[in-house]
C-alpha atoms as a PDB file:
ATOM      1  CA  MET A   1      -6.714 -17.680 -68.888  1.00  0.00           C
ATOM      2  CA  SER A   2      -7.649 -20.325 -66.349  1.00  0.00           C
ATOM      3  CA  TRP A   3      -9.371 -19.581 -63.051  1.00  0.00           C
ATOM      4  CA  THR A   4      -6.076 -20.314 -61.323  1.00  0.00           C
ATOM      5  CA  ASP A   5      -4.367 -17.646 -63.459  1.00  0.00           C
ATOM      6  CA  PHE A   6      -7.215 -15.219 -62.818  1.00  0.00           C
ATOM      7  CA  TYR A   7      -6.912 -15.611 -59.044  1.00  0.00           C
ATOM      8  CA  ARG A   8      -3.108 -15.382 -59.152  1.00  0.00           C
ATOM      9  CA  ARG A   9      -3.325 -12.104 -61.086  1.00  0.00           C
ATOM     10  CA  ARG A  10      -6.032 -10.765 -58.773  1.00  0.00           C
ATOM     11  CA  ASP A  11      -3.940 -11.626 -55.714  1.00  0.00           C
ATOM     12  CA  ALA A  12      -0.847 -10.101 -57.325  1.00  0.00           C
ATOM     13  CA  LEU A  13      -2.721  -6.840 -57.984  1.00  0.00           C
ATOM     14  CA  ASP A  14      -3.944  -6.824 -54.383  1.00  0.00           C
ATOM     15  CA  ALA A  15      -0.354  -7.322 -53.199  1.00  0.00           C
ATOM     16  CA  VAL A  16       0.860  -4.400 -55.316  1.00  0.00           C
ATOM     17  CA  LEU A  17      -1.788  -2.136 -53.796  1.00  0.00           C
ATOM     18  CA  ARG A  18      -1.018  -3.285 -50.244  1.00  0.00           C
ATOM     19  CA  ALA A  19       2.691  -2.600 -50.810  1.00  0.00           C
ATOM     20  CA  ALA A  20       1.929   0.830 -52.322  1.00  0.00           C
ATOM     21  CA  ALA A  21      -0.418   1.930 -49.533  1.00  0.00           C
ATOM     22  CA  ASP A  22       2.173   4.030 -47.711  1.00  0.00           C
ATOM     23  CA  ALA A  23       3.842   5.475 -50.813  1.00  0.00           C
ATOM     24  CA  PRO A  24       1.751   5.144 -53.988  1.00  0.00           C
ATOM     25  CA  GLY A  25       4.256   7.191 -55.979  1.00  0.00           C
ATOM     26  CA  ALA A  26       7.206   4.946 -55.114  1.00  0.00           C
ATOM     27  CA  PRO A  27       8.443   2.362 -57.605  1.00  0.00           C
ATOM     28  CA  LEU A  28       6.047  -0.564 -57.792  1.00  0.00           C
ATOM     29  CA  THR A  29       7.096  -4.075 -56.915  1.00  0.00           C
ATOM     30  CA  PHE A  30       5.261  -6.868 -58.687  1.00  0.00           C
ATOM     31  CA  ASP A  31       5.450 -10.476 -59.820  1.00  0.00           C
ATOM     32  CA  ARG A  32       7.282 -10.459 -63.143  1.00  0.00           C
ATOM     33  CA  ASP A  33       6.035 -13.957 -63.883  1.00  0.00           C
ATOM     34  CA  LEU A  34       2.525 -12.505 -64.146  1.00  0.00           C
ATOM     35  CA  PHE A  35       3.240  -9.054 -65.592  1.00  0.00           C
ATOM     36  CA  SER A  36       6.025  -8.563 -68.111  1.00  0.00           C
ATOM     37  CA  ASP A  37       6.625  -4.947 -67.161  1.00  0.00           C
ATOM     38  CA  GLU A  38       5.191  -2.058 -65.182  1.00  0.00           C
ATOM     39  CA  GLY A  39       3.125  -0.928 -68.160  1.00  0.00           C
ATOM     40  CA  GLU A  40       1.273  -4.247 -68.276  1.00  0.00           C
ATOM     41  CA  LEU A  41       0.728  -4.094 -64.509  1.00  0.00           C
ATOM     42  CA  LEU A  42      -0.656  -0.557 -64.731  1.00  0.00           C
ATOM     43  CA  LEU A  43      -3.025  -1.515 -67.529  1.00  0.00           C
ATOM     44  CA  ALA A  44      -4.329  -4.365 -65.346  1.00  0.00           C
ATOM     45  CA  LEU A  45      -4.810  -1.948 -62.444  1.00  0.00           C
ATOM     46  CA  HIS A  46      -6.545   0.535 -64.736  1.00  0.00           C
ATOM     47  CA  TYR A  47      -8.799  -2.230 -66.034  1.00  0.00           C
ATOM     48  CA  ARG A  48      -9.769  -2.959 -62.424  1.00  0.00           C
ATOM     49  CA  TRP A  49     -10.593   0.722 -61.914  1.00  0.00           C
ATOM     50  CA  MET A  50     -12.593   0.972 -65.135  1.00  0.00           C
ATOM     51  CA  ARG A  51     -14.504  -2.236 -64.479  1.00  0.00           C
ATOM     52  CA  GLN A  52     -15.626  -0.901 -61.103  1.00  0.00           C
ATOM     53  CA  LEU A  53     -16.323   2.585 -62.431  1.00  0.00           C
ATOM     54  CA  THR A  54     -18.406   1.506 -65.405  1.00  0.00           C
ATOM     55  CA  GLY A  55     -20.375  -0.983 -63.324  1.00  0.00           C
ATOM     56  CA  ARG A  56     -21.187   1.622 -60.711  1.00  0.00           C
ATOM     57  CA  LEU A  57     -22.059   4.215 -63.320  1.00  0.00           C
ATOM     58  CA  GLY A  58     -24.505   1.805 -64.903  1.00  0.00           C
ATOM     59  CA  VAL A  59     -26.194   1.128 -61.576  1.00  0.00           C
ATOM     60  CA  ALA A  60     -26.206   4.790 -60.542  1.00  0.00           C
ATOM     61  CA  LEU A  61     -27.745   5.952 -63.800  1.00  0.00           C
ATOM     62  CA  GLU A  62     -30.332   3.176 -63.745  1.00  0.00           C
ATOM     63  CA  ASP A  63     -31.447   4.045 -60.215  1.00  0.00           C
ATOM     64  CA  THR A  64     -31.922   7.777 -60.625  1.00  0.00           C
ATOM     65  CA  SER A  65     -33.307  10.528 -62.751  1.00  0.00           C
ATOM     66  CA  ALA A  66     -30.794  13.027 -61.347  1.00  0.00           C
ATOM     67  CA  ASP A  67     -28.501  15.140 -63.482  1.00  0.00           C
ATOM     68  CA  ARG A  68     -26.021  12.869 -65.285  1.00  0.00           C
ATOM     69  CA  VAL A  69     -23.069  15.163 -64.605  1.00  0.00           C
ATOM     70  CA  ASP A  70     -23.856  15.017 -60.895  1.00  0.00           C
ATOM     71  CA  VAL A  71     -24.295  11.233 -60.944  1.00  0.00           C
ATOM     72  CA  VAL A  72     -20.977  10.675 -62.744  1.00  0.00           C
ATOM     73  CA  THR A  73     -19.214  13.115 -60.401  1.00  0.00           C
ATOM     74  CA  ARG A  74     -20.566  11.455 -57.250  1.00  0.00           C
ATOM     75  CA  THR A  75     -19.878   7.961 -58.552  1.00  0.00           C
ATOM     76  CA  TRP A  76     -16.273   8.725 -59.562  1.00  0.00           C
ATOM     77  CA  GLN A  77     -15.605  10.494 -56.266  1.00  0.00           C
ATOM     78  CA  ALA A  78     -17.110   7.638 -54.248  1.00  0.00           C
ATOM     79  CA  LEU A  79     -14.970   5.066 -56.024  1.00  0.00           C
ATOM     80  CA  ALA A  80     -11.852   7.209 -55.563  1.00  0.00           C
ATOM     81  CA  ALA A  81     -12.657   7.497 -51.845  1.00  0.00           C
ATOM     82  CA  GLU A  82     -13.234   3.741 -51.542  1.00  0.00           C
ATOM     83  CA  GLN A  83     -10.146   2.840 -53.582  1.00  0.00           C
ATOM     84  CA  PRO A  84      -7.669   5.594 -52.631  1.00  0.00           C
ATOM     85  CA  VAL A  85      -4.529   3.506 -53.141  1.00  0.00           C
ATOM     86  CA  LEU A  86      -5.638   2.237 -56.535  1.00  0.00           C
ATOM     87  CA  ARG A  87      -6.471   5.775 -57.670  1.00  0.00           C
ATOM     88  CA  ALA A  88      -3.209   7.165 -56.239  1.00  0.00           C
ATOM     89  CA  VAL A  89      -1.102   4.474 -57.934  1.00  0.00           C
ATOM     90  CA  LEU A  90      -2.795   5.145 -61.267  1.00  0.00           C
ATOM     91  CA  ASP A  91      -2.375   8.902 -60.849  1.00  0.00           C
ATOM     92  CA  ALA A  92       1.309   8.517 -59.994  1.00  0.00           C
ATOM     93  CA  HIS A  93       2.310   5.897 -62.550  1.00  0.00           C
ATOM     94  CA  LEU A  94      -0.133   5.457 -65.436  1.00  0.00           C
ATOM     95  CA  THR A  95       1.314   7.058 -68.536  1.00  0.00           C
ATOM     96  CA  SER A  96      -0.585   5.121 -71.188  1.00  0.00           C
ATOM     97  CA  GLY A  97      -2.297   7.869 -73.134  1.00  0.00           C
ATOM     98  CA  GLU A  98      -4.693   5.353 -74.641  1.00  0.00           C
ATOM     99  CA  ALA A  99      -5.902   4.083 -71.255  1.00  0.00           C
ATOM    100  CA  VAL A 100      -6.292   7.577 -69.821  1.00  0.00           C
ATOM    101  CA  GLU A 101      -8.112   8.786 -72.924  1.00  0.00           C
ATOM    102  CA  ARG A 102     -10.446   5.791 -72.745  1.00  0.00           C
ATOM    103  CA  GLU A 103     -11.388   6.767 -69.184  1.00  0.00           C
ATOM    104  CA  HIS A 104     -11.890  10.380 -70.244  1.00  0.00           C
ATOM    105  CA  ARG A 105     -14.167   9.318 -73.103  1.00  0.00           C
ATOM    106  CA  VAL A 106     -16.245   7.173 -70.741  1.00  0.00           C
ATOM    107  CA  LEU A 107     -16.650  10.112 -68.364  1.00  0.00           C
ATOM    108  CA  ALA A 108     -17.637  12.580 -71.092  1.00  0.00           C
ATOM    109  CA  LEU A 109     -20.065  10.241 -72.826  1.00  0.00           C
ATOM    110  CA  THR A 110     -21.669   8.935 -69.636  1.00  0.00           C
ATOM    111  CA  ALA A 111     -22.151  12.442 -68.274  1.00  0.00           C
ATOM    112  CA  GLY A 112     -23.767  13.495 -71.547  1.00  0.00           C
ATOM    113  CA  LEU A 113     -21.075  16.089 -72.231  1.00  0.00           C
ATOM    114  CA  ALA A 114     -20.192  14.575 -75.605  1.00  0.00           C
ATOM    115  CA  GLU A 115     -21.802  12.484 -78.314  1.00  0.00           C
ATOM    116  CA  LEU A 116     -20.462   9.367 -80.020  1.00  0.00           C
ATOM    117  CA  SER A 117     -20.629  11.210 -83.331  1.00  0.00           C
ATOM    118  CA  GLU A 118     -17.884  13.618 -82.203  1.00  0.00           C
ATOM    119  CA  PRO A 119     -14.202  12.918 -82.897  1.00  0.00           C
ATOM    120  CA  ALA A 120     -12.625  10.635 -80.268  1.00  0.00           C
ATOM    121  CA  ASP A 121      -9.893  13.146 -79.434  1.00  0.00           C
ATOM    122  CA  GLU A 122     -12.495  15.855 -78.781  1.00  0.00           C
ATOM    123  CA  ILE A 123     -14.492  13.521 -76.533  1.00  0.00           C
ATOM    124  CA  ALA A 124     -11.294  12.704 -74.623  1.00  0.00           C
ATOM    125  CA  ARG A 125     -10.469  16.413 -74.276  1.00  0.00           C
ATOM    126  CA  VAL A 126     -13.917  17.123 -72.822  1.00  0.00           C
ATOM    127  CA  GLY A 127     -13.575  14.123 -70.497  1.00  0.00           C
ATOM    128  CA  ALA A 128     -10.157  15.304 -69.302  1.00  0.00           C
ATOM    129  CA  ALA A 129     -11.575  18.724 -68.445  1.00  0.00           C
ATOM    130  CA  PHE A 130     -14.510  17.057 -66.692  1.00  0.00           C
ATOM    131  CA  GLU A 131     -12.167  14.815 -64.674  1.00  0.00           C
ATOM    132  CA  ARG A 132     -10.239  17.887 -63.493  1.00  0.00           C
ATOM    133  CA  LEU A 133     -13.544  19.340 -62.286  1.00  0.00           C
ATOM    134  CA  ILE A 134     -14.494  16.079 -60.571  1.00  0.00           C
ATOM    135  CA  ARG A 135     -11.187  16.086 -58.707  1.00  0.00           C
ATOM    136  CA  THR A 136     -11.614  19.679 -57.520  1.00  0.00           C
ATOM    137  CA  SER A 137     -15.322  19.477 -56.656  1.00  0.00           C
ATOM    138  CA  PRO A 138     -16.257  18.999 -53.022  1.00  0.00           C
ATOM    139  CA  ARG A 139     -16.713  15.339 -52.165  1.00  0.00           C
ATOM    140  CA  THR A 140     -20.301  14.246 -51.942  1.00  0.00           C
ATOM    141  CA  VAL A 141     -21.936  11.419 -50.049  1.00  0.00           C
ATOM    142  CA  VAL A 142     -23.160   8.615 -52.254  1.00  0.00           C
ATOM    143  CA  PRO A 143     -26.273   6.667 -51.271  1.00  0.00           C
ATOM    144  CA  GLY A 144     -25.710   3.484 -49.276  1.00  0.00           C
ATOM    145  CA  ARG A 145     -26.259   1.212 -52.274  1.00  0.00           C
ATOM    146  CA  HIS A 146     -22.906   2.238 -53.740  1.00  0.00           C
ATOM    147  CA  ARG A 147     -21.127   1.514 -50.489  1.00  0.00           C
ATOM    148  CA  ARG A 148     -22.589  -2.002 -50.544  1.00  0.00           C
ATOM    149  CA  LEU A 149     -21.399  -2.439 -54.125  1.00  0.00           C
ATOM    150  CA  ALA A 150     -17.889  -1.354 -53.165  1.00  0.00           C
ATOM    151  CA  LYS A 151     -17.607  -4.119 -50.594  1.00  0.00           C
ATOM    152  CA  SER A 152     -18.424  -6.768 -53.172  1.00  0.00           C
ATOM    153  CA  ALA A 153     -16.201  -5.430 -55.956  1.00  0.00           C
END
């Protein structure tokens, strides 16, 4: 992929999110020259989410000795608050079990709730339960460093 293609795809994803801001659950409109179908578009949006999430988790865990479950919870919640349309679009439309399970495994492993030696489906199950808890936990304030990172992402 050339830099021109990269920027076209980035701009197309931004346009999808702008269009979905008022109704994230509505059918998505997108450039079919760049994405062959909605599934490909959603995987690109999920990749954007995961890239930001994993980067922030790495920074958050490096900068603290706090409880890993708490760090992962605060980091996920902060990103969801900073990217509400992206999260809402993914919640409303993403049906790829593989992509969702990958996110669940990242959450479980990063929080220390599972080990790599466990079966992948068990790790994903633990991560799914953890994500449900993250979504229902009270929102917490994340230190200013994460807000600065969000502006550059």
